[in-house]
Amino acid sequence: MMDLKITLIKSVAHRLPKQRKIVKALGLGKVNSTVVLPDNAATRGALLKIAHLISVEEVNK
């Protein structure tokens, strides 16, 4: 199974409140913070909403 390594590369300041909530829900805080999450439909859907703020890499378990 694949995991996704998600890194916040742009600040959420001055972004839409919905985008800020998604970033916080994913566990990202400050710029350059990184989390590893499972690759599933829910995660992919959230990432599409904030694709311009993050960088994503696939990681093997």
PDB file of N, CA and C in Angstrom:
ATOM      1  N   MET A   1       0.836  -1.183   0.000  1.00  0.00           N
ATOM      2  CA  MET A   1       0.000   0.000   0.000  1.00  0.00           C
ATOM      3  C   MET A   1       0.883   1.250   0.000  1.00  0.00           C
ATOM      4  N   MET A   2       0.424   2.262  -0.692  1.00  0.00           N
ATOM      5  CA  MET A   2       1.186   3.504  -0.812  1.00  0.00           C
ATOM      6  C   MET A   2       0.708   4.525   0.219  1.00  0.00           C
ATOM      7  N   ASP A   3       1.639   5.348   0.642  1.00  0.00           N
ATOM      8  CA  ASP A   3       1.325   6.492   1.482  1.00  0.00           C
ATOM      9  C   ASP A   3       1.717   7.751   0.732  1.00  0.00           C
ATOM     10  N   LEU A   4       1.196   8.872   1.169  1.00  0.00           N
ATOM     11  CA  LEU A   4       1.525  10.148   0.557  1.00  0.00           C
ATOM     12  C   LEU A   4       2.246  11.024   1.569  1.00  0.00           C
ATOM     13  N   LYS A   5       3.381  11.557   1.165  1.00  0.00           N
ATOM     14  CA  LYS A   5       4.127  12.507   1.997  1.00  0.00           C
ATOM     15  C   LYS A   5       3.737  13.899   1.513  1.00  0.00           C
ATOM     16  N   ILE A   6       3.070  14.649   2.374  1.00  0.00           N
ATOM     17  CA  ILE A   6       2.519  15.953   2.003  1.00  0.00           C
ATOM     18  C   ILE A   6       3.281  17.035   2.742  1.00  0.00           C
ATOM     19  N   THR A   7       3.775  18.022   2.000  1.00  0.00           N
ATOM     20  CA  THR A   7       4.521  19.133   2.573  1.00  0.00           C
ATOM     21  C   THR A   7       3.839  20.440   2.211  1.00  0.00           C
ATOM     22  N   LEU A   8       3.624  21.283   3.205  1.00  0.00           N
ATOM     23  CA  LEU A   8       3.041  22.603   2.979  1.00  0.00           C
ATOM     24  C   LEU A   8       4.140  23.534   2.482  1.00  0.00           C
ATOM     25  N   ILE A   9       3.988  24.058   1.258  1.00  0.00           N
ATOM     26  CA  ILE A   9       5.046  24.887   0.687  1.00  0.00           C
ATOM     27  C   ILE A   9       4.674  26.365   0.609  1.00  0.00           C
ATOM     28  N   LYS A  10       3.398  26.670   0.788  1.00  0.00           N
ATOM     29  CA  LYS A  10       2.950  28.068   0.797  1.00  0.00           C
ATOM     30  C   LYS A  10       2.097  28.312   2.029  1.00  0.00           C
ATOM     31  N   SER A  11       2.116  29.531   2.510  1.00  0.00           N
ATOM     32  CA  SER A  11       1.370  29.900   3.702  1.00  0.00           C
ATOM     33  C   SER A  11      -0.127  29.889   3.444  1.00  0.00           C
ATOM     34  N   VAL A  12      -0.900  29.629   4.496  1.00  0.00           N
ATOM     35  CA  VAL A  12      -2.350  29.665   4.388  1.00  0.00           C
ATOM     36  C   VAL A  12      -2.916  31.034   4.783  1.00  0.00           C
ATOM     37  N   ALA A  13      -2.039  31.964   5.102  1.00  0.00           N
ATOM     38  CA  ALA A  13      -2.496  33.317   5.421  1.00  0.00           C
ATOM     39  C   ALA A  13      -3.151  33.923   4.179  1.00  0.00           C
ATOM     40  N   HIS A  14      -4.252  34.607   4.373  1.00  0.00           N
ATOM     41  CA  HIS A  14      -4.997  35.273   3.299  1.00  0.00           C
ATOM     42  C   HIS A  14      -5.609  34.277   2.310  1.00  0.00           C
ATOM     43  N   ARG A  15      -5.860  33.048   2.752  1.00  0.00           N
ATOM     44  CA  ARG A  15      -6.536  32.047   1.919  1.00  0.00           C
ATOM     45  C   ARG A  15      -7.978  31.904   2.388  1.00  0.00           C
ATOM     46  N   LEU A  16      -8.765  31.228   1.610  1.00  0.00           N
ATOM     47  CA  LEU A  16     -10.159  31.004   1.976  1.00  0.00           C
ATOM     48  C   LEU A  16     -10.248  30.174   3.264  1.00  0.00           C
ATOM     49  N   PRO A  17     -11.229  30.469   4.117  1.00  0.00           N
ATOM     50  CA  PRO A  17     -11.373  29.715   5.374  1.00  0.00           C
ATOM     51  C   PRO A  17     -11.484  28.206   5.160  1.00  0.00           C
ATOM     52  N   LYS A  18     -12.147  27.782   4.090  1.00  0.00           N
ATOM     53  CA  LYS A  18     -12.286  26.348   3.801  1.00  0.00           C
ATOM     54  C   LYS A  18     -10.914  25.714   3.554  1.00  0.00           C
ATOM     55  N   GLN A  19     -10.035  26.424   2.831  1.00  0.00           N
ATOM     56  CA  GLN A  19      -8.702  25.908   2.558  1.00  0.00           C
ATOM     57  C   GLN A  19      -7.880  25.841   3.842  1.00  0.00           C
ATOM     58  N   ARG A  20      -8.021  26.816   4.719  1.00  0.00           N
ATOM     59  CA  ARG A  20      -7.305  26.804   5.999  1.00  0.00           C
ATOM     60  C   ARG A  20      -7.729  25.602   6.839  1.00  0.00           C
ATOM     61  N   LYS A  21      -9.036  25.302   6.849  1.00  0.00           N
ATOM     62  CA  LYS A  21      -9.541  24.170   7.620  1.00  0.00           C
ATOM     63  C   LYS A  21      -9.012  22.848   7.081  1.00  0.00           C
ATOM     64  N   ILE A  22      -8.916  22.732   5.764  1.00  0.00           N
ATOM     65  CA  ILE A  22      -8.407  21.500   5.154  1.00  0.00           C
ATOM     66  C   ILE A  22      -6.952  21.290   5.540  1.00  0.00           C
ATOM     67  N   VAL A  23      -6.151  22.357   5.483  1.00  0.00           N
ATOM     68  CA  VAL A  23      -4.730  22.257   5.843  1.00  0.00           C
ATOM     69  C   VAL A  23      -4.598  21.815   7.297  1.00  0.00           C
ATOM     70  N   LYS A  24      -5.384  22.406   8.179  1.00  0.00           N
ATOM     71  CA  LYS A  24      -5.323  22.045   9.598  1.00  0.00           C
ATOM     72  C   LYS A  24      -5.793  20.615   9.817  1.00  0.00           C
ATOM     73  N   ALA A  25      -6.838  20.198   9.121  1.00  0.00           N
ATOM     74  CA  ALA A  25      -7.371  18.837   9.269  1.00  0.00           C
ATOM     75  C   ALA A  25      -6.366  17.787   8.805  1.00  0.00           C
ATOM     76  N   LEU A  26      -5.552  18.131   7.833  1.00  0.00           N
ATOM     77  CA  LEU A  26      -4.534  17.192   7.358  1.00  0.00           C
ATOM     78  C   LEU A  26      -3.362  17.092   8.327  1.00  0.00           C
ATOM     79  N   GLY A  27      -3.300  17.993   9.296  1.00  0.00           N
ATOM     80  CA  GLY A  27      -2.221  17.939  10.282  1.00  0.00           C
ATOM     81  C   GLY A  27      -1.048  18.825   9.940  1.00  0.00           C
ATOM     82  N   LEU A  28      -1.226  19.717   8.983  1.00  0.00           N
ATOM     83  CA  LEU A  28      -0.157  20.628   8.601  1.00  0.00           C
ATOM     84  C   LEU A  28      -0.296  21.926   9.381  1.00  0.00           C
ATOM     85  N   GLY A  29       0.820  22.482   9.822  1.00  0.00           N
ATOM     86  CA  GLY A  29       0.777  23.716  10.588  1.00  0.00           C
ATOM     87  C   GLY A  29       1.483  24.833   9.855  1.00  0.00           C
ATOM     88  N   LYS A  30       2.770  24.921  10.091  1.00  0.00           N
ATOM     89  CA  LYS A  30       3.566  25.976   9.482  1.00  0.00           C
ATOM     90  C   LYS A  30       4.091  25.546   8.118  1.00  0.00           C
ATOM     91  N   VAL A  31       4.623  26.505   7.382  1.00  0.00           N
ATOM     92  CA  VAL A  31       5.234  26.218   6.091  1.00  0.00           C
ATOM     93  C   VAL A  31       6.398  25.243   6.312  1.00  0.00           C
ATOM     94  N   ASN A  32       6.574  24.318   5.396  1.00  0.00           N
ATOM     95  CA  ASN A  32       7.576  23.250   5.420  1.00  0.00           C
ATOM     96  C   ASN A  32       7.244  22.132   6.404  1.00  0.00           C
ATOM     97  N   SER A  33       6.061  22.131   7.012  1.00  0.00           N
ATOM     98  CA  SER A  33       5.673  20.998   7.847  1.00  0.00           C
ATOM     99  C   SER A  33       5.248  19.846   6.929  1.00  0.00           C
ATOM    100  N   THR A  34       5.492  18.633   7.387  1.00  0.00           N
ATOM    101  CA  THR A  34       5.258  17.446   6.564  1.00  0.00           C
ATOM    102  C   THR A  34       4.469  16.403   7.345  1.00  0.00           C
ATOM    103  N   VAL A  35       3.558  15.715   6.662  1.00  0.00           N
ATOM    104  CA  VAL A  35       2.829  14.594   7.239  1.00  0.00           C
ATOM    105  C   VAL A  35       2.805  13.454   6.223  1.00  0.00           C
ATOM    106  N   VAL A  36       2.655  12.243   6.726  1.00  0.00           N
ATOM    107  CA  VAL A  36       2.501  11.069   5.866  1.00  0.00           C
ATOM    108  C   VAL A  36       1.109  10.510   6.127  1.00  0.00           C
ATOM    109  N   LEU A  37       0.305  10.454   5.074  1.00  0.00           N
ATOM    110  CA  LEU A  37      -1.075   9.993   5.189  1.00  0.00           C
ATOM    111  C   LEU A  37      -1.336   8.864   4.204  1.00  0.00           C
ATOM    112  N   PRO A  38      -2.336   8.016   4.487  1.00  0.00           N
ATOM    113  CA  PRO A  38      -2.660   6.931   3.560  1.00  0.00           C
ATOM    114  C   PRO A  38      -3.230   7.479   2.252  1.00  0.00           C
ATOM    115  N   ASP A  39      -2.957   6.768   1.185  1.00  0.00           N
ATOM    116  CA  ASP A  39      -3.446   7.163  -0.137  1.00  0.00           C
ATOM    117  C   ASP A  39      -4.836   6.577  -0.331  1.00  0.00           C
ATOM    118  N   ASN A  40      -5.867   7.382  -0.061  1.00  0.00           N
ATOM    119  CA  ASN A  40      -7.239   6.940  -0.278  1.00  0.00           C
ATOM    120  C   ASN A  40      -8.045   8.081  -0.888  1.00  0.00           C
ATOM    121  N   ALA A  41      -9.287   7.820  -1.195  1.00  0.00           N
ATOM    122  CA  ALA A  41     -10.126   8.796  -1.891  1.00  0.00           C
ATOM    123  C   ALA A  41     -10.343  10.060  -1.066  1.00  0.00           C
ATOM    124  N   ALA A  42     -10.520   9.923   0.240  1.00  0.00           N
ATOM    125  CA  ALA A  42     -10.761  11.085   1.094  1.00  0.00           C
ATOM    126  C   ALA A  42      -9.536  12.004   1.120  1.00  0.00           C
ATOM    127  N   THR A  43      -8.365  11.413   1.237  1.00  0.00           N
ATOM    128  CA  THR A  43      -7.136  12.205   1.258  1.00  0.00           C
ATOM    129  C   THR A  43      -6.920  12.887  -0.085  1.00  0.00           C
ATOM    130  N   ARG A  44      -7.100  12.151  -1.159  1.00  0.00           N
ATOM    131  CA  ARG A  44      -6.920  12.719  -2.501  1.00  0.00           C
ATOM    132  C   ARG A  44      -7.878  13.877  -2.755  1.00  0.00           C
ATOM    133  N   GLY A  45      -9.115  13.755  -2.294  1.00  0.00           N
ATOM    134  CA  GLY A  45     -10.091  14.820  -2.475  1.00  0.00           C
ATOM    135  C   GLY A  45      -9.686  16.086  -1.748  1.00  0.00           C
ATOM    136  N   ALA A  46      -9.181  15.940  -0.532  1.00  0.00           N
ATOM    137  CA  ALA A  46      -8.736  17.105   0.236  1.00  0.00           C
ATOM    138  C   ALA A  46      -7.520  17.752  -0.430  1.00  0.00           C
ATOM    139  N   LEU A  47      -6.634  16.921  -0.958  1.00  0.00           N
ATOM    140  CA  LEU A  47      -5.426  17.453  -1.597  1.00  0.00           C
ATOM    141  C   LEU A  47      -5.745  18.241  -2.858  1.00  0.00           C
ATOM    142  N   LEU A  48      -6.775  17.832  -3.576  1.00  0.00           N
ATOM    143  CA  LEU A  48      -7.157  18.566  -4.784  1.00  0.00           C
ATOM    144  C   LEU A  48      -7.610  19.987  -4.465  1.00  0.00           C
ATOM    145  N   LYS A  49      -8.222  20.177  -3.289  1.00  0.00           N
ATOM    146  CA  LYS A  49      -8.718  21.495  -2.896  1.00  0.00           C
ATOM    147  C   LYS A  49      -7.585  22.470  -2.555  1.00  0.00           C
ATOM    148  N   ILE A  50      -6.419  21.930  -2.143  1.00  0.00           N
ATOM    149  CA  ILE A  50      -5.310  22.797  -1.737  1.00  0.00           C
ATOM    150  C   ILE A  50      -4.032  22.481  -2.517  1.00  0.00           C
ATOM    151  N   ALA A  51      -4.184  21.988  -3.733  1.00  0.00           N
ATOM    152  CA  ALA A  51      -3.041  21.549  -4.538  1.00  0.00           C
ATOM    153  C   ALA A  51      -2.030  22.673  -4.777  1.00  0.00           C
ATOM    154  N   HIS A  52      -2.485  23.911  -4.802  1.00  0.00           N
ATOM    155  CA  HIS A  52      -1.596  25.043  -5.058  1.00  0.00           C
ATOM    156  C   HIS A  52      -0.764  25.424  -3.830  1.00  0.00           C
ATOM    157  N   LEU A  53      -1.025  24.809  -2.685  1.00  0.00           N
ATOM    158  CA  LEU A  53      -0.315  25.137  -1.449  1.00  0.00           C
ATOM    159  C   LEU A  53       0.657  24.048  -0.998  1.00  0.00           C
ATOM    160  N   ILE A  54       0.600  22.882  -1.625  1.00  0.00           N
ATOM    161  CA  ILE A  54       1.340  21.724  -1.116  1.00  0.00           C
ATOM    162  C   ILE A  54       2.196  21.068  -2.193  1.00  0.00           C
ATOM    163  N   SER A  55       3.079  20.202  -1.726  1.00  0.00           N
ATOM    164  CA  SER A  55       3.799  19.307  -2.628  1.00  0.00           C
ATOM    165  C   SER A  55       3.556  17.890  -2.112  1.00  0.00           C
ATOM    166  N   VAL A  56       3.372  16.939  -3.023  1.00  0.00           N
ATOM    167  CA  VAL A  56       3.006  15.567  -2.659  1.00  0.00           C
ATOM    168  C   VAL A  56       3.986  14.591  -3.286  1.00  0.00           C
ATOM    169  N   GLU A  57       4.437  13.625  -2.476  1.00  0.00           N
ATOM    170  CA  GLU A  57       5.303  12.555  -2.968  1.00  0.00           C
ATOM    171  C   GLU A  57       4.698  11.221  -2.526  1.00  0.00           C
ATOM    172  N   GLU A  58       4.853  10.206  -3.360  1.00  0.00           N
ATOM    173  CA  GLU A  58       4.401   8.875  -2.983  1.00  0.00           C
ATOM    174  C   GLU A  58       5.523   8.162  -2.239  1.00  0.00           C
ATOM    175  N   VAL A  59       5.140   7.474  -1.158  1.00  0.00           N
ATOM    176  CA  VAL A  59       6.102   6.779  -0.319  1.00  0.00           C
ATOM    177  C   VAL A  59       5.625   5.356  -0.113  1.00  0.00           C
ATOM    178  N   ASN A  60       6.528   4.392  -0.238  1.00  0.00           N
ATOM    179  CA  ASN A  60       6.186   2.992   0.044  1.00  0.00           C
ATOM    180  C   ASN A  60       6.214   2.756   1.543  1.00  0.00           C
ATOM    181  N   LYS A  61       5.331   1.897   2.015  1.00  0.00           N
ATOM    182  CA  LYS A  61       5.314   1.553   3.453  1.00  0.00           C
ATOM    183  C   LYS A  61       6.468   0.683   3.799  1.00  0.00           C
TER     184      LYS A  61
END
